[in-house]
Amino acid sequence: MGHSAADWDYRAAIEITKDWNGVEQVLLQNQQGASARVSLHGGQVTSWRNKHGEELLFTSSKDNFFNSYYE
């Protein structure tokens, strides 16, 4: 713990967008630059990036879901 509520900054940017298939998703970003994308179809987290923009979710190169997007 070690943090009081006053130490935290809860402000974040929230944006509703659509993915390449037209499915709505929520993009959440904090002021430090970390972000997450959550699909509104099933609630899947499709991206989670740290403040340096590095993707923290692992996706196999054999995964057809994301690979079909980049072809």
PDB file of N, CA and C in Angstrom:
ATOM      1  N   MET A   1       0.794  -1.073   0.000  1.00  0.00           N
ATOM      2  CA  MET A   1       0.000   0.000   0.000  1.00  0.00           C
ATOM      3  C   MET A   1       0.898   1.214   0.000  1.00  0.00           C
ATOM      4  N   GLY A   2       1.073   1.961   0.979  1.00  0.00           N
ATOM      5  CA  GLY A   2       2.015   3.055   0.973  1.00  0.00           C
ATOM      6  C   GLY A   2       1.568   4.286   0.187  1.00  0.00           C
ATOM      7  N   HIS A   3       0.434   4.245  -0.457  1.00  0.00           N
ATOM      8  CA  HIS A   3      -0.067   5.398  -1.197  1.00  0.00           C
ATOM      9  C   HIS A   3      -1.425   5.783  -0.634  1.00  0.00           C
ATOM     10  N   SER A   4      -1.581   7.068  -0.392  1.00  0.00           N
ATOM     11  CA  SER A   4      -2.908   7.539  -0.002  1.00  0.00           C
ATOM     12  C   SER A   4      -3.659   7.934  -1.260  1.00  0.00           C
ATOM     13  N   ALA A   5      -4.938   8.088  -1.145  1.00  0.00           N
ATOM     14  CA  ALA A   5      -5.758   8.479  -2.297  1.00  0.00           C
ATOM     15  C   ALA A   5      -5.285   9.805  -2.880  1.00  0.00           C
ATOM     16  N   ALA A   6      -4.741  10.686  -2.053  1.00  0.00           N
ATOM     17  CA  ALA A   6      -4.272  11.981  -2.526  1.00  0.00           C
ATOM     18  C   ALA A   6      -3.033  11.850  -3.410  1.00  0.00           C
ATOM     19  N   ASP A   7      -2.286  10.743  -3.317  1.00  0.00           N
ATOM     20  CA  ASP A   7      -1.080  10.541  -4.110  1.00  0.00           C
ATOM     21  C   ASP A   7      -1.383  10.126  -5.541  1.00  0.00           C
ATOM     22  N   TRP A   8      -2.562   9.641  -5.814  1.00  0.00           N
ATOM     23  CA  TRP A   8      -2.900   9.094  -7.120  1.00  0.00           C
ATOM     24  C   TRP A   8      -3.601  10.129  -7.976  1.00  0.00           C
ATOM     25  N   ASP A   9      -3.288  10.148  -9.253  1.00  0.00           N
ATOM     26  CA  ASP A   9      -3.960  11.022 -10.209  1.00  0.00           C
ATOM     27  C   ASP A   9      -4.840  10.134 -11.073  1.00  0.00           C
ATOM     28  N   TYR A  10      -6.139  10.215 -10.912  1.00  0.00           N
ATOM     29  CA  TYR A  10      -7.078   9.328 -11.585  1.00  0.00           C
ATOM     30  C   TYR A  10      -7.510   9.827 -12.956  1.00  0.00           C
ATOM     31  N   ARG A  11      -7.011  10.973 -13.372  1.00  0.00           N
ATOM     32  CA  ARG A  11      -7.427  11.503 -14.664  1.00  0.00           C
ATOM     33  C   ARG A  11      -6.867  10.645 -15.794  1.00  0.00           C
ATOM     34  N   ALA A  12      -7.700  10.333 -16.739  1.00  0.00           N
ATOM     35  CA  ALA A  12      -7.291   9.540 -17.893  1.00  0.00           C
ATOM     36  C   ALA A  12      -8.139   9.934 -19.091  1.00  0.00           C
ATOM     37  N   ALA A  13      -7.612   9.654 -20.259  1.00  0.00           N
ATOM     38  CA  ALA A  13      -8.372   9.884 -21.481  1.00  0.00           C
ATOM     39  C   ALA A  13      -9.108   8.603 -21.836  1.00  0.00           C
ATOM     40  N   ILE A  14     -10.357   8.734 -22.194  1.00  0.00           N
ATOM     41  CA  ILE A  14     -11.182   7.602 -22.599  1.00  0.00           C
ATOM     42  C   ILE A  14     -11.769   7.930 -23.957  1.00  0.00           C
ATOM     43  N   GLU A  15     -11.566   7.021 -24.905  1.00  0.00           N
ATOM     44  CA  GLU A  15     -12.047   7.252 -26.267  1.00  0.00           C
ATOM     45  C   GLU A  15     -12.711   5.974 -26.785  1.00  0.00           C
ATOM     46  N   ILE A  16     -13.852   6.122 -27.427  1.00  0.00           N
ATOM     47  CA  ILE A  16     -14.528   4.995 -28.073  1.00  0.00           C
ATOM     48  C   ILE A  16     -14.145   5.038 -29.550  1.00  0.00           C
ATOM     49  N   THR A  17     -13.579   3.943 -30.045  1.00  0.00           N
ATOM     50  CA  THR A  17     -13.167   3.856 -31.447  1.00  0.00           C
ATOM     51  C   THR A  17     -13.702   2.546 -32.030  1.00  0.00           C
ATOM     52  N   LYS A  18     -13.338   2.268 -33.270  1.00  0.00           N
ATOM     53  CA  LYS A  18     -13.686   0.988 -33.894  1.00  0.00           C
ATOM     54  C   LYS A  18     -12.417   0.323 -34.388  1.00  0.00           C
ATOM     55  N   ASP A  19     -12.363  -1.001 -34.294  1.00  0.00           N
ATOM     56  CA  ASP A  19     -11.214  -1.719 -34.817  1.00  0.00           C
ATOM     57  C   ASP A  19     -11.368  -1.920 -36.316  1.00  0.00           C
ATOM     58  N   TRP A  20     -10.429  -2.638 -36.943  1.00  0.00           N
ATOM     59  CA  TRP A  20     -10.446  -2.815 -38.397  1.00  0.00           C
ATOM     60  C   TRP A  20     -11.654  -3.585 -38.898  1.00  0.00           C
ATOM     61  N   ASN A  21     -12.386  -4.287 -37.994  1.00  0.00           N
ATOM     62  CA  ASN A  21     -13.609  -5.002 -38.366  1.00  0.00           C
ATOM     63  C   ASN A  21     -14.873  -4.214 -38.040  1.00  0.00           C
ATOM     64  N   GLY A  22     -14.713  -2.999 -37.539  1.00  0.00           N
ATOM     65  CA  GLY A  22     -15.862  -2.178 -37.190  1.00  0.00           C
ATOM     66  C   GLY A  22     -16.421  -2.429 -35.810  1.00  0.00           C
ATOM     67  N   VAL A  23     -15.727  -3.246 -35.005  1.00  0.00           N
ATOM     68  CA  VAL A  23     -16.173  -3.537 -33.636  1.00  0.00           C
ATOM     69  C   VAL A  23     -15.724  -2.396 -32.723  1.00  0.00           C
ATOM     70  N   GLU A  24     -16.649  -1.873 -31.925  1.00  0.00           N
ATOM     71  CA  GLU A  24     -16.307  -0.777 -31.023  1.00  0.00           C
ATOM     72  C   GLU A  24     -15.344  -1.251 -29.945  1.00  0.00           C
ATOM     73  N   GLN A  25     -14.440  -0.345 -29.583  1.00  0.00           N
ATOM     74  CA  GLN A  25     -13.489  -0.614 -28.514  1.00  0.00           C
ATOM     75  C   GLN A  25     -13.260   0.659 -27.716  1.00  0.00           C
ATOM     76  N   VAL A  26     -12.803   0.493 -26.507  1.00  0.00           N
ATOM     77  CA  VAL A  26     -12.488   1.620 -25.643  1.00  0.00           C
ATOM     78  C   VAL A  26     -10.973   1.733 -25.568  1.00  0.00           C
ATOM     79  N   LEU A  27     -10.463   2.921 -25.804  1.00  0.00           N
ATOM     80  CA  LEU A  27      -9.041   3.207 -25.633  1.00  0.00           C
ATOM     81  C   LEU A  27      -8.900   4.024 -24.356  1.00  0.00           C
ATOM     82  N   LEU A  28      -8.128   3.498 -23.419  1.00  0.00           N
ATOM     83  CA  LEU A  28      -7.866   4.168 -22.145  1.00  0.00           C
ATOM     84  C   LEU A  28      -6.407   4.597 -22.128  1.00  0.00           C
ATOM     85  N   GLN A  29      -6.146   5.857 -21.765  1.00  0.00           N
ATOM     86  CA  GLN A  29      -4.775   6.337 -21.678  1.00  0.00           C
ATOM     87  C   GLN A  29      -4.619   7.179 -20.423  1.00  0.00           C
ATOM     88  N   ASN A  30      -3.501   6.959 -19.708  1.00  0.00           N
ATOM     89  CA  ASN A  30      -3.247   7.828 -18.569  1.00  0.00           C
ATOM     90  C   ASN A  30      -2.269   8.922 -18.970  1.00  0.00           C
ATOM     91  N   GLN A  31      -2.036   9.869 -18.082  1.00  0.00           N
ATOM     92  CA  GLN A  31      -1.202  11.017 -18.410  1.00  0.00           C
ATOM     93  C   GLN A  31       0.256  10.649 -18.617  1.00  0.00           C
ATOM     94  N   GLN A  32       0.680   9.513 -18.091  1.00  0.00           N
ATOM     95  CA  GLN A  32       2.061   9.086 -18.250  1.00  0.00           C
ATOM     96  C   GLN A  32       2.290   8.401 -19.597  1.00  0.00           C
ATOM     97  N   GLY A  33       1.216   8.080 -20.335  1.00  0.00           N
ATOM     98  CA  GLY A  33       1.348   7.491 -21.657  1.00  0.00           C
ATOM     99  C   GLY A  33       0.993   6.021 -21.751  1.00  0.00           C
ATOM    100  N   ALA A  34       0.718   5.368 -20.644  1.00  0.00           N
ATOM    101  CA  ALA A  34       0.297   3.964 -20.689  1.00  0.00           C
ATOM    102  C   ALA A  34      -1.108   3.901 -21.278  1.00  0.00           C
ATOM    103  N   SER A  35      -1.416   2.772 -21.945  1.00  0.00           N
ATOM    104  CA  SER A  35      -2.728   2.661 -22.564  1.00  0.00           C
ATOM    105  C   SER A  35      -3.210   1.223 -22.587  1.00  0.00           C
ATOM    106  N   ALA A  36      -4.504   1.075 -22.788  1.00  0.00           N
ATOM    107  CA  ALA A  36      -5.124  -0.234 -22.966  1.00  0.00           C
ATOM    108  C   ALA A  36      -6.275  -0.073 -23.947  1.00  0.00           C
ATOM    109  N   ARG A  37      -6.477  -1.109 -24.768  1.00  0.00           N
ATOM    110  CA  ARG A  37      -7.632  -1.169 -25.665  1.00  0.00           C
ATOM    111  C   ARG A  37      -8.461  -2.364 -25.257  1.00  0.00           C
ATOM    112  N   VAL A  38      -9.773  -2.132 -25.106  1.00  0.00           N
ATOM    113  CA  VAL A  38     -10.690  -3.186 -24.692  1.00  0.00           C
ATOM    114  C   VAL A  38     -11.834  -3.235 -25.688  1.00  0.00           C
ATOM    115  N   SER A  39     -12.051  -4.399 -26.281  1.00  0.00           N
ATOM    116  CA  SER A  39     -13.146  -4.582 -27.231  1.00  0.00           C
ATOM    117  C   SER A  39     -14.464  -4.600 -26.476  1.00  0.00           C
ATOM    118  N   LEU A  40     -15.455  -3.920 -27.018  1.00  0.00           N
ATOM    119  CA  LEU A  40     -16.773  -3.939 -26.393  1.00  0.00           C
ATOM    120  C   LEU A  40     -17.554  -5.190 -26.786  1.00  0.00           C
ATOM    121  N   HIS A  41     -17.005  -5.992 -27.683  1.00  0.00           N
ATOM    122  CA  HIS A  41     -17.597  -7.274 -28.049  1.00  0.00           C
ATOM    123  C   HIS A  41     -16.873  -8.356 -27.258  1.00  0.00           C
ATOM    124  N   GLY A  42     -17.374  -8.684 -26.102  1.00  0.00           N
ATOM    125  CA  GLY A  42     -16.770  -9.721 -25.269  1.00  0.00           C
ATOM    126  C   GLY A  42     -15.799  -9.212 -24.223  1.00  0.00           C
ATOM    127  N   GLY A  43     -15.433  -7.945 -24.270  1.00  0.00           N
ATOM    128  CA  GLY A  43     -14.561  -7.375 -23.244  1.00  0.00           C
ATOM    129  C   GLY A  43     -13.110  -7.806 -23.322  1.00  0.00           C
ATOM    130  N   GLN A  44     -12.640  -8.261 -24.490  1.00  0.00           N
ATOM    131  CA  GLN A  44     -11.258  -8.689 -24.605  1.00  0.00           C
ATOM    132  C   GLN A  44     -10.311  -7.496 -24.566  1.00  0.00           C
ATOM    133  N   VAL A  45      -9.229  -7.654 -23.817  1.00  0.00           N
ATOM    134  CA  VAL A  45      -8.157  -6.664 -23.825  1.00  0.00           C
ATOM    135  C   VAL A  45      -7.299  -6.986 -25.043  1.00  0.00           C
ATOM    136  N   THR A  46      -7.243  -6.066 -25.999  1.00  0.00           N
ATOM    137  CA  THR A  46      -6.503  -6.323 -27.233  1.00  0.00           C
ATOM    138  C   THR A  46      -5.150  -5.631 -27.266  1.00  0.00           C
ATOM    139  N   SER A  47      -4.902  -4.716 -26.333  1.00  0.00           N
ATOM    140  CA  SER A  47      -3.611  -4.052 -26.247  1.00  0.00           C
ATOM    141  C   SER A  47      -3.427  -3.523 -24.831  1.00  0.00           C
ATOM    142  N   TRP A  48      -2.182  -3.599 -24.376  1.00  0.00           N
ATOM    143  CA  TRP A  48      -1.817  -3.034 -23.070  1.00  0.00           C
ATOM    144  C   TRP A  48      -0.384  -2.554 -23.206  1.00  0.00           C
ATOM    145  N   ARG A  49      -0.195  -1.254 -23.226  1.00  0.00           N
ATOM    146  CA  ARG A  49       1.130  -0.667 -23.448  1.00  0.00           C
ATOM    147  C   ARG A  49       1.575   0.135 -22.224  1.00  0.00           C
ATOM    148  N   ASN A  50       2.860   0.050 -21.924  1.00  0.00           N
ATOM    149  CA  ASN A  50       3.404   0.827 -20.815  1.00  0.00           C
ATOM    150  C   ASN A  50       3.660   2.260 -21.274  1.00  0.00           C
ATOM    151  N   LYS A  51       4.185   3.080 -20.390  1.00  0.00           N
ATOM    152  CA  LYS A  51       4.379   4.497 -20.709  1.00  0.00           C
ATOM    153  C   LYS A  51       5.423   4.727 -21.797  1.00  0.00           C
ATOM    154  N   HIS A  52       6.195   3.692 -22.137  1.00  0.00           N
ATOM    155  CA  HIS A  52       7.182   3.794 -23.212  1.00  0.00           C
ATOM    156  C   HIS A  52       6.624   3.312 -24.548  1.00  0.00           C
ATOM    157  N   GLY A  53       5.337   2.920 -24.563  1.00  0.00           N
ATOM    158  CA  GLY A  53       4.702   2.448 -25.787  1.00  0.00           C
ATOM    159  C   GLY A  53       4.983   0.991 -26.104  1.00  0.00           C
ATOM    160  N   GLU A  54       5.623   0.274 -25.190  1.00  0.00           N
ATOM    161  CA  GLU A  54       5.944  -1.128 -25.407  1.00  0.00           C
ATOM    162  C   GLU A  54       4.721  -1.994 -25.144  1.00  0.00           C
ATOM    163  N   GLU A  55       4.380  -2.859 -26.095  1.00  0.00           N
ATOM    164  CA  GLU A  55       3.241  -3.761 -25.954  1.00  0.00           C
ATOM    165  C   GLU A  55       3.559  -4.809 -24.895  1.00  0.00           C
ATOM    166  N   LEU A  56       2.662  -4.983 -23.942  1.00  0.00           N
ATOM    167  CA  LEU A  56       2.887  -5.911 -22.840  1.00  0.00           C
ATOM    168  C   LEU A  56       2.123  -7.224 -22.999  1.00  0.00           C
ATOM    169  N   LEU A  57       1.215  -7.300 -23.976  1.00  0.00           N
ATOM    170  CA  LEU A  57       0.499  -8.548 -24.231  1.00  0.00           C
ATOM    171  C   LEU A  57       1.259  -9.352 -25.269  1.00  0.00           C
ATOM    172  N   PHE A  58       1.388 -10.635 -25.036  1.00  0.00           N
ATOM    173  CA  PHE A  58       2.053 -11.518 -25.993  1.00  0.00           C
ATOM    174  C   PHE A  58       1.030 -12.081 -26.959  1.00  0.00           C
ATOM    175  N   THR A  59       1.342 -12.003 -28.229  1.00  0.00           N
ATOM    176  CA  THR A  59       0.521 -12.628 -29.258  1.00  0.00           C
ATOM    177  C   THR A  59       1.435 -13.502 -30.100  1.00  0.00           C
ATOM    178  N   SER A  60       1.114 -14.739 -30.228  1.00  0.00           N
ATOM    179  CA  SER A  60       1.910 -15.669 -31.003  1.00  0.00           C
ATOM    180  C   SER A  60       1.921 -15.272 -32.475  1.00  0.00           C
ATOM    181  N   SER A  61       3.044 -15.493 -33.127  1.00  0.00           N
ATOM    182  CA  SER A  61       3.131 -15.239 -34.567  1.00  0.00           C
ATOM    183  C   SER A  61       2.242 -16.204 -35.348  1.00  0.00           C
ATOM    184  N   LYS A  62       1.786 -17.273 -34.705  1.00  0.00           N
ATOM    185  CA  LYS A  62       0.904 -18.254 -35.340  1.00  0.00           C
ATOM    186  C   LYS A  62      -0.572 -17.904 -35.173  1.00  0.00           C
ATOM    187  N   ASP A  63      -0.859 -16.838 -34.448  1.00  0.00           N
ATOM    188  CA  ASP A  63      -2.235 -16.425 -34.189  1.00  0.00           C
ATOM    189  C   ASP A  63      -2.847 -15.813 -35.440  1.00  0.00           C
ATOM    190  N   ASN A  64      -3.922 -16.383 -35.959  1.00  0.00           N
ATOM    191  CA  ASN A  64      -4.555 -15.887 -37.175  1.00  0.00           C
ATOM    192  C   ASN A  64      -5.361 -14.619 -36.959  1.00  0.00           C
ATOM    193  N   PHE A  65      -5.841 -14.376 -35.740  1.00  0.00           N
ATOM    194  CA  PHE A  65      -6.689 -13.215 -35.476  1.00  0.00           C
ATOM    195  C   PHE A  65      -5.941 -11.920 -35.777  1.00  0.00           C
ATOM    196  N   PHE A  66      -4.768 -11.746 -35.201  1.00  0.00           N
ATOM    197  CA  PHE A  66      -4.024 -10.506 -35.407  1.00  0.00           C
ATOM    198  C   PHE A  66      -3.220 -10.532 -36.700  1.00  0.00           C
ATOM    199  N   ASN A  67      -2.740 -11.692 -37.115  1.00  0.00           N
ATOM    200  CA  ASN A  67      -1.951 -11.757 -38.341  1.00  0.00           C
ATOM    201  C   ASN A  67      -2.763 -11.393 -39.566  1.00  0.00           C
ATOM    202  N   SER A  68      -4.039 -11.709 -39.584  1.00  0.00           N
ATOM    203  CA  SER A  68      -4.862 -11.378 -40.745  1.00  0.00           C
ATOM    204  C   SER A  68      -4.996  -9.867 -40.915  1.00  0.00           C
ATOM    205  N   TYR A  69      -4.858  -9.117 -39.837  1.00  0.00           N
ATOM    206  CA  TYR A  69      -4.937  -7.653 -39.900  1.00  0.00           C
ATOM    207  C   TYR A  69      -3.736  -7.072 -40.633  1.00  0.00           C
ATOM    208  N   TYR A  70      -2.561  -7.660 -40.446  1.00  0.00           N
ATOM    209  CA  TYR A  70      -1.331  -7.093 -40.991  1.00  0.00           C
ATOM    210  C   TYR A  70      -0.989  -7.603 -42.387  1.00  0.00           C
ATOM    211  N   GLU A  71      -1.774  -8.541 -42.929  1.00  0.00           N
ATOM    212  CA  GLU A  71      -1.478  -9.058 -44.267  1.00  0.00           C
ATOM    213  C   GLU A  71      -1.963  -8.113 -45.340  1.00  0.00           C
TER     214      GLU A  71
END
